[in-house]
Structure formats: structure tokens, C-alpha cells
Protein backbone atom coordinates (compact mmCIF):
# COMPACT_ATOMS: atom_id res chain seq x y z
CA UNK A 1 123.65 109.61 99.90
CA UNK A 2 124.80 106.53 102.38
CA UNK A 3 121.25 105.94 103.04
CA UNK A 4 120.90 105.12 98.91
CA UNK A 5 124.41 103.45 98.78
CA UNK A 6 123.08 101.06 101.69
CA UNK A 7 120.00 100.33 99.81
CA UNK A 8 121.25 99.71 96.62
CA UNK A 9 123.79 96.95 98.39
CA UNK A 10 120.86 95.52 99.68
CA UNK A 11 118.78 95.28 96.68
CA UNK A 12 121.81 93.96 94.94
CA UNK A 13 121.98 91.07 97.32
CA UNK A 14 118.01 90.63 97.11
CA UNK A 15 118.06 90.29 93.83
CA UNK A 16 119.48 86.54 94.04
CA UNK A 17 117.32 85.73 97.25
CA UNK A 18 114.11 83.29 96.50
CA UNK A 19 110.86 85.43 95.38
CA UNK A 20 109.27 83.86 98.59
CA UNK A 21 111.80 85.93 100.81
CA UNK A 22 112.27 89.04 98.95
CA UNK A 23 110.03 91.36 97.38
CA UNK A 24 112.76 92.65 95.37
CA UNK A 25 113.41 88.93 93.97
CA UNK A 26 109.61 88.82 93.32
CA UNK A 27 109.99 91.71 90.94
CA UNK A 28 113.03 90.76 89.28
CA UNK A 29 111.75 86.94 88.53
CA UNK A 30 108.61 89.04 87.18
CA UNK A 31 110.96 90.92 84.75
CA UNK A 32 111.85 94.79 83.63
CA UNK A 33 108.41 95.56 82.36
CA UNK A 34 106.96 94.76 85.22
CA UNK A 35 109.61 96.75 87.20
CA UNK A 36 109.46 99.73 85.01
CA UNK A 37 105.41 99.70 85.44
CA UNK A 38 106.00 99.78 89.05
CA UNK A 39 108.41 102.75 89.10
CA UNK A 40 105.64 104.61 87.10
CA UNK A 41 102.85 103.63 89.54
CA UNK A 42 104.80 104.95 92.50
CA UNK A 43 105.99 107.90 90.49
CA UNK A 44 102.16 108.75 89.73
CA UNK A 45 101.21 108.02 93.23
CA UNK A 46 104.09 110.97 94.31
CA UNK A 47 102.47 113.25 91.85
CA UNK A 48 98.89 112.71 93.65
CA UNK A 49 100.55 113.12 96.93
CA UNK A 50 102.14 116.27 95.90
CA UNK A 51 99.00 117.78 94.35
CA UNK A 52 96.59 116.62 97.21
CA UNK A 53 98.22 114.93 100.16
CA UNK A 54 99.83 115.57 103.11
CA UNK A 55 103.57 116.30 103.19
CA UNK A 56 103.93 112.75 105.16
CA UNK A 57 102.28 111.13 102.38
CA UNK A 58 104.45 113.00 99.90
CA UNK A 59 107.32 111.98 101.97
CA UNK A 60 106.22 108.11 101.64
CA UNK A 61 105.73 107.84 97.78
CA UNK A 62 108.94 109.69 97.29
CA UNK A 63 110.97 106.93 99.26
CA UNK A 64 108.77 104.54 97.05
CA UNK A 65 109.75 106.29 93.80
CA UNK A 66 113.52 106.47 94.81
CA UNK A 67 113.21 102.22 96.25
CA UNK A 68 111.82 101.41 92.85
CA UNK A 69 114.01 103.37 90.88
CA UNK A 70 116.94 101.76 92.44
CA UNK A 71 115.39 98.40 91.77
CA UNK A 72 115.16 99.32 88.17
CA UNK A 73 118.88 100.45 88.14
CA UNK A 74 119.76 96.98 89.42
CA UNK A 75 117.67 95.16 87.03
CA UNK A 76 119.50 96.99 84.54
CA UNK A 77 122.94 96.71 86.17
CA UNK A 78 123.48 100.20 86.18
CA UNK A 79 125.01 101.53 89.02
CA UNK A 80 123.79 104.67 91.43
CA UNK A 81 127.12 106.09 90.78
CA UNK A 82 126.67 106.45 87.14
CA UNK A 83 123.51 108.50 88.02
CA UNK A 84 125.09 110.45 90.63
CA UNK A 85 127.97 111.23 88.11
CA UNK A 86 125.69 112.10 85.38
CA UNK A 87 124.17 114.76 88.01
CA UNK A 88 127.67 115.77 88.94
CA UNK A 89 128.54 116.48 85.41
CA UNK A 90 125.19 118.70 84.76
CA UNK A 91 126.00 120.74 88.26
CA UNK A 92 126.10 124.34 87.74
CA UNK A 93 124.40 123.92 84.17
CA UNK A 94 121.25 125.80 83.58
CA UNK A 95 118.23 123.41 83.74
CA UNK A 96 117.37 125.05 80.26
CA UNK A 97 120.66 124.81 78.59
CA UNK A 98 121.05 121.16 79.87
CA UNK A 99 117.43 120.28 78.21
CA UNK A 100 118.47 122.26 74.93
CA UNK A 101 121.42 120.25 74.56
CA UNK A 102 119.85 116.97 74.69
CA UNK A 103 117.13 118.04 71.91
CA UNK A 104 119.74 118.64 69.13
């Protein structure tokens, strides 16, 4: 998790940069809808790579998904630690049971 924590920190710093100097700042300046759409695009590309690409393509797309998810979380001021805490909370729970608990 050190890599993701470091990336979260870098993204937080770059939110305040000039859009001319930072891709993260460019996304931030364009707003939440653009960031969310970009995450969706990257997720779709990961699915395509999983179904018809190489392992290397999937790895690259998965990295893009994680990066853009962290940008979205930063935009919403949701710390990665909150997501990790939710995963910890779900640990040891059947995926079927966890899903059923959300549908009620």
C-alpha cells in the first residue's frame, strides 16, 4: 500500500498546481464530471484489455484505473484510508452476504 499512499500524496499536491504543469491539475480544473468520466473510460479500457489484450496491456490499464480512482477520491476529499477501512470491514465476509446486506 505504500505505492498507493505515495501516489495519493502526490495527487493531493498536484491538485494545487497550475493546469499547465500537471495532468492532475488539468483534471481538477475541468471538474468532477470529467474526472468521473475519465475513470469510466479507463475502467472500460481495462475490461477490453482483460478480454482481448495481453497481460502487459491489462497491467497498464489497471494502473490507469487505480490512478484515476485516486484522483476522483482526492477531488471528493475522500482519503484512501477510508476505502481501505471499508475493505478491512468487509474482510472475512462472503461477497454474496455483503452484497445482500446492501440491497435491503
